[in-house]
Amino acid sequence: MGTINGLDATHVSDKIYYFDNKIIFTSDKSRNATFIMVMDLNTRQPSFKTVRQGNPSDDYKKTNSFLFYDKLFQGAVNDEFVLKISDWTGIKNNIIAF
């Protein structure tokens, strides 16, 4: 039996989060971006964002993301593992390649 890739073992393409009186849906169905939909329960207004994975020119084999407060952690694998940390509320990026 072969080695299981961590992204294969943990990947769930659609996730839901709740904090700060907001329901946040994320989707990683695209290999090049994470889609975010926020429903503000105070105003009942939705908002939508798209955050690109890693380097825009790369087509990744596997991706995954995790939202932690205002940070979006995106992992992507091609020939190397790329970790991108974004402030998804203002989209400030840090890309780390391994």
N, C-alpha and C. Protein backbone atom coordinates (compact mmCIF):
# COMPACT_ATOMS: atom_id res chain seq x y z
N MET A 1 0.84 -1.18 0.00
CA MET A 1 0.00 0.00 0.00
C MET A 1 0.89 1.24 0.00
N GLY A 2 0.58 2.23 -0.81
CA GLY A 2 1.38 3.45 -0.94
C GLY A 2 1.15 4.42 0.19
N THR A 3 1.95 5.46 0.20
CA THR A 3 1.83 6.51 1.19
C THR A 3 0.64 7.40 0.85
N ILE A 4 -0.14 7.76 1.85
CA ILE A 4 -1.28 8.64 1.64
C ILE A 4 -0.82 10.08 1.76
N ASN A 5 -1.11 10.87 0.75
CA ASN A 5 -0.80 12.30 0.76
C ASN A 5 -1.69 12.98 1.79
N GLY A 6 -1.13 13.86 2.61
CA GLY A 6 -1.90 14.56 3.64
C GLY A 6 -3.09 15.32 3.10
N LEU A 7 -2.93 15.95 1.91
CA LEU A 7 -4.06 16.68 1.33
C LEU A 7 -5.16 15.73 0.87
N ASP A 8 -4.79 14.52 0.41
CA ASP A 8 -5.80 13.53 0.04
C ASP A 8 -6.60 13.08 1.26
N ALA A 9 -5.89 12.89 2.37
CA ALA A 9 -6.53 12.37 3.58
C ALA A 9 -7.41 13.41 4.27
N THR A 10 -7.10 14.69 4.14
CA THR A 10 -7.82 15.72 4.89
C THR A 10 -8.71 16.61 4.04
N HIS A 11 -8.73 16.42 2.74
CA HIS A 11 -9.42 17.35 1.86
C HIS A 11 -10.94 17.21 1.95
N VAL A 12 -11.59 18.31 2.26
CA VAL A 12 -13.04 18.47 2.16
C VAL A 12 -13.22 19.76 1.40
N SER A 13 -13.89 19.71 0.25
CA SER A 13 -13.92 20.89 -0.62
C SER A 13 -14.82 22.02 -0.11
N ASP A 14 -15.88 21.69 0.62
CA ASP A 14 -16.79 22.72 1.13
C ASP A 14 -16.78 22.71 2.65
N LYS A 15 -16.65 23.90 3.24
CA LYS A 15 -16.61 24.01 4.70
C LYS A 15 -17.52 25.15 5.14
N ILE A 16 -17.94 25.08 6.40
CA ILE A 16 -18.77 26.14 6.97
C ILE A 16 -18.18 26.54 8.33
N TYR A 17 -18.14 27.84 8.59
CA TYR A 17 -17.60 28.39 9.83
C TYR A 17 -18.59 29.40 10.39
N TYR A 18 -18.50 29.62 11.70
CA TYR A 18 -19.31 30.66 12.33
C TYR A 18 -18.45 31.41 13.33
N PHE A 19 -18.37 32.72 13.19
CA PHE A 19 -17.78 33.59 14.21
C PHE A 19 -18.16 35.03 13.91
N ASP A 20 -18.09 35.85 14.94
CA ASP A 20 -18.39 37.28 14.83
C ASP A 20 -19.77 37.52 14.22
N ASN A 21 -20.73 36.66 14.58
CA ASN A 21 -22.11 36.73 14.08
C ASN A 21 -22.20 36.66 12.55
N LYS A 22 -21.29 35.86 11.97
CA LYS A 22 -21.28 35.64 10.53
C LYS A 22 -21.18 34.15 10.26
N ILE A 23 -21.89 33.70 9.24
CA ILE A 23 -21.75 32.34 8.74
C ILE A 23 -20.90 32.44 7.48
N ILE A 24 -19.82 31.65 7.43
CA ILE A 24 -18.88 31.74 6.33
C ILE A 24 -18.76 30.39 5.66
N PHE A 25 -19.04 30.34 4.37
CA PHE A 25 -18.90 29.13 3.57
C PHE A 25 -17.64 29.27 2.72
N THR A 26 -16.81 28.23 2.68
CA THR A 26 -15.66 28.24 1.78
C THR A 26 -15.75 27.03 0.86
N SER A 27 -15.24 27.19 -0.34
CA SER A 27 -15.23 26.11 -1.31
C SER A 27 -13.87 26.06 -2.01
N ASP A 28 -13.31 24.86 -2.08
CA ASP A 28 -12.05 24.62 -2.77
C ASP A 28 -12.26 23.69 -3.96
N LYS A 29 -13.39 23.81 -4.63
CA LYS A 29 -13.65 22.95 -5.79
C LYS A 29 -12.78 23.31 -6.97
N SER A 30 -12.28 24.52 -7.01
CA SER A 30 -11.31 24.94 -8.03
C SER A 30 -9.92 24.65 -7.50
N ARG A 31 -9.01 24.18 -8.35
CA ARG A 31 -7.63 23.93 -7.91
C ARG A 31 -6.82 25.21 -7.86
N ASN A 32 -7.37 26.33 -8.29
CA ASN A 32 -6.62 27.58 -8.35
C ASN A 32 -7.13 28.67 -7.43
N ALA A 33 -8.22 28.42 -6.70
CA ALA A 33 -8.79 29.48 -5.86
C ALA A 33 -9.68 28.90 -4.78
N THR A 34 -9.84 29.66 -3.71
CA THR A 34 -10.83 29.37 -2.67
C THR A 34 -11.92 30.42 -2.80
N PHE A 35 -13.15 29.97 -2.83
CA PHE A 35 -14.30 30.87 -2.92
C PHE A 35 -14.90 31.01 -1.53
N ILE A 36 -15.20 32.25 -1.14
CA ILE A 36 -15.70 32.54 0.20
C ILE A 36 -17.03 33.30 0.08
N MET A 37 -18.05 32.81 0.79
CA MET A 37 -19.33 33.51 0.86
C MET A 37 -19.61 33.78 2.32
N VAL A 38 -19.86 35.03 2.66
CA VAL A 38 -20.10 35.44 4.05
C VAL A 38 -21.53 35.94 4.16
N MET A 39 -22.25 35.41 5.14
CA MET A 39 -23.59 35.90 5.44
C MET A 39 -23.52 36.58 6.81
N ASP A 40 -23.64 37.90 6.80
CA ASP A 40 -23.64 38.68 8.04
C ASP A 40 -25.03 38.57 8.65
N LEU A 41 -25.12 37.99 9.83
CA LEU A 41 -26.43 37.78 10.45
C LEU A 41 -27.04 39.05 11.03
N ASN A 42 -26.22 40.08 11.22
CA ASN A 42 -26.74 41.36 11.69
C ASN A 42 -27.44 42.11 10.56
N THR A 43 -26.81 42.17 9.41
CA THR A 43 -27.36 42.94 8.28
C THR A 43 -28.11 42.08 7.29
N ARG A 44 -27.93 40.75 7.39
CA ARG A 44 -28.52 39.78 6.45
C ARG A 44 -28.07 40.01 5.01
N GLN A 45 -26.87 40.57 4.88
CA GLN A 45 -26.29 40.83 3.57
C GLN A 45 -25.17 39.83 3.28
N PRO A 46 -25.22 39.19 2.10
CA PRO A 46 -24.12 38.29 1.73
C PRO A 46 -22.99 39.07 1.06
N SER A 47 -21.79 38.52 1.14
CA SER A 47 -20.67 39.06 0.37
C SER A 47 -19.86 37.87 -0.15
N PHE A 48 -19.15 38.10 -1.24
CA PHE A 48 -18.42 37.03 -1.91
C PHE A 48 -16.99 37.47 -2.18
N LYS A 49 -16.06 36.53 -2.04
CA LYS A 49 -14.65 36.80 -2.34
C LYS A 49 -14.05 35.57 -3.01
N THR A 50 -13.04 35.82 -3.81
CA THR A 50 -12.25 34.75 -4.40
C THR A 50 -10.80 35.02 -4.04
N VAL A 51 -10.13 34.01 -3.47
CA VAL A 51 -8.72 34.13 -3.09
C VAL A 51 -7.95 33.09 -3.87
N ARG A 52 -7.05 33.54 -4.73
CA ARG A 52 -6.25 32.64 -5.56
C ARG A 52 -5.32 31.79 -4.71
N GLN A 53 -5.10 30.55 -5.17
CA GLN A 53 -4.13 29.66 -4.52
C GLN A 53 -2.74 30.04 -4.98
N GLY A 54 -1.77 30.06 -4.10
CA GLY A 54 -0.35 30.20 -4.43
C GLY A 54 -0.03 31.16 -5.55
N ASN A 55 0.77 30.71 -6.49
CA ASN A 55 1.17 31.53 -7.63
C ASN A 55 0.13 31.40 -8.74
N PRO A 56 -0.36 32.51 -9.29
CA PRO A 56 -1.43 32.47 -10.28
C PRO A 56 -1.09 31.66 -11.53
N SER A 57 0.18 31.52 -11.88
CA SER A 57 0.54 30.80 -13.10
C SER A 57 0.54 29.28 -12.91
N ASP A 58 0.49 28.80 -11.66
CA ASP A 58 0.56 27.36 -11.39
C ASP A 58 -0.82 26.72 -11.43
N ASP A 59 -0.86 25.47 -11.91
CA ASP A 59 -2.07 24.67 -11.89
C ASP A 59 -1.81 23.53 -10.91
N TYR A 60 -2.38 23.62 -9.72
CA TYR A 60 -2.07 22.69 -8.66
C TYR A 60 -2.84 21.39 -8.79
N LYS A 61 -2.19 20.28 -8.34
CA LYS A 61 -2.82 18.96 -8.38
C LYS A 61 -3.83 18.80 -7.25
N LYS A 62 -3.46 19.26 -6.06
CA LYS A 62 -4.32 19.15 -4.88
C LYS A 62 -4.26 20.45 -4.10
N THR A 63 -5.40 20.86 -3.55
CA THR A 63 -5.46 22.07 -2.72
C THR A 63 -6.37 21.82 -1.53
N ASN A 64 -6.19 22.63 -0.51
CA ASN A 64 -7.07 22.61 0.65
C ASN A 64 -6.93 23.94 1.36
N SER A 65 -7.91 24.30 2.16
CA SER A 65 -7.83 25.56 2.89
C SER A 65 -8.50 25.40 4.25
N PHE A 66 -8.17 26.33 5.13
CA PHE A 66 -8.74 26.37 6.46
C PHE A 66 -8.84 27.83 6.89
N LEU A 67 -9.97 28.21 7.41
CA LEU A 67 -10.20 29.58 7.86
C LEU A 67 -10.04 29.64 9.38
N PHE A 68 -9.26 30.60 9.85
CA PHE A 68 -9.08 30.81 11.29
C PHE A 68 -9.18 32.31 11.54
N TYR A 69 -10.33 32.74 12.02
CA TYR A 69 -10.65 34.15 12.19
C TYR A 69 -10.42 34.91 10.88
N ASP A 70 -9.52 35.90 10.84
CA ASP A 70 -9.35 36.66 9.61
C ASP A 70 -8.25 36.09 8.71
N LYS A 71 -7.72 34.91 9.05
CA LYS A 71 -6.66 34.29 8.25
C LYS A 71 -7.19 33.11 7.45
N LEU A 72 -6.81 33.06 6.19
CA LEU A 72 -7.13 31.92 5.33
C LEU A 72 -5.81 31.21 5.03
N PHE A 73 -5.71 29.96 5.46
CA PHE A 73 -4.54 29.15 5.19
C PHE A 73 -4.86 28.26 3.99
N GLN A 74 -4.07 28.37 2.94
CA GLN A 74 -4.28 27.57 1.73
C GLN A 74 -3.03 26.74 1.46
N GLY A 75 -3.23 25.45 1.33
CA GLY A 75 -2.13 24.55 0.98
C GLY A 75 -2.36 24.02 -0.42
N ALA A 76 -1.29 23.95 -1.20
CA ALA A 76 -1.39 23.45 -2.57
C ALA A 76 -0.17 22.61 -2.89
N VAL A 77 -0.36 21.57 -3.69
CA VAL A 77 0.73 20.69 -4.08
C VAL A 77 0.80 20.61 -5.58
N ASN A 78 1.99 20.81 -6.09
CA ASN A 78 2.33 20.56 -7.49
C ASN A 78 3.62 19.77 -7.43
N ASP A 79 4.75 20.35 -7.78
CA ASP A 79 6.04 19.70 -7.58
C ASP A 79 6.57 20.00 -6.18
N GLU A 80 5.99 20.98 -5.52
CA GLU A 80 6.36 21.34 -4.17
C GLU A 80 5.09 21.71 -3.41
N PHE A 81 5.19 21.77 -2.10
CA PHE A 81 4.07 22.19 -1.27
C PHE A 81 4.15 23.71 -1.10
N VAL A 82 3.06 24.39 -1.33
CA VAL A 82 2.99 25.84 -1.17
C VAL A 82 1.93 26.16 -0.12
N LEU A 83 2.33 26.95 0.87
CA LEU A 83 1.40 27.40 1.90
C LEU A 83 1.21 28.90 1.74
N LYS A 84 -0.02 29.31 1.59
CA LYS A 84 -0.33 30.73 1.46
C LYS A 84 -1.21 31.12 2.63
N ILE A 85 -0.84 32.20 3.31
CA ILE A 85 -1.62 32.72 4.43
C ILE A 85 -2.11 34.10 4.04
N SER A 86 -3.43 34.26 4.01
CA SER A 86 -4.03 35.53 3.59
C SER A 86 -4.90 36.10 4.68
N ASP A 87 -4.91 37.40 4.80
CA ASP A 87 -5.92 38.09 5.60
C ASP A 87 -7.09 38.25 4.64
N TRP A 88 -8.03 37.31 4.66
CA TRP A 88 -9.08 37.27 3.65
C TRP A 88 -10.02 38.47 3.73
N THR A 89 -10.01 39.19 4.84
CA THR A 89 -10.85 40.38 4.94
C THR A 89 -10.25 41.55 4.17
N GLY A 90 -8.92 41.53 4.00
CA GLY A 90 -8.24 42.60 3.25
C GLY A 90 -7.32 42.05 2.18
N ILE A 91 -7.18 40.72 2.12
CA ILE A 91 -6.37 39.98 1.16
C ILE A 91 -4.92 40.48 1.13
N LYS A 92 -4.23 40.34 2.26
CA LYS A 92 -2.78 40.53 2.32
C LYS A 92 -2.19 39.13 2.31
N ASN A 93 -1.22 38.86 1.42
CA ASN A 93 -0.73 37.51 1.19
C ASN A 93 0.69 37.30 1.67
N ASN A 94 0.95 36.10 2.16
CA ASN A 94 2.29 35.59 2.42
C ASN A 94 2.35 34.21 1.80
N ILE A 95 3.26 33.97 0.87
CA ILE A 95 3.40 32.68 0.22
C ILE A 95 4.69 32.04 0.68
N ILE A 96 4.59 30.78 1.13
CA ILE A 96 5.74 30.04 1.60
C ILE A 96 5.81 28.74 0.81
N ALA A 97 6.91 28.51 0.10
CA ALA A 97 7.09 27.29 -0.69
C ALA A 97 8.02 26.34 0.04
N PHE A 98 7.73 25.05 0.00
CA PHE A 98 8.57 24.03 0.63
C PHE A 98 9.10 23.10 -0.44
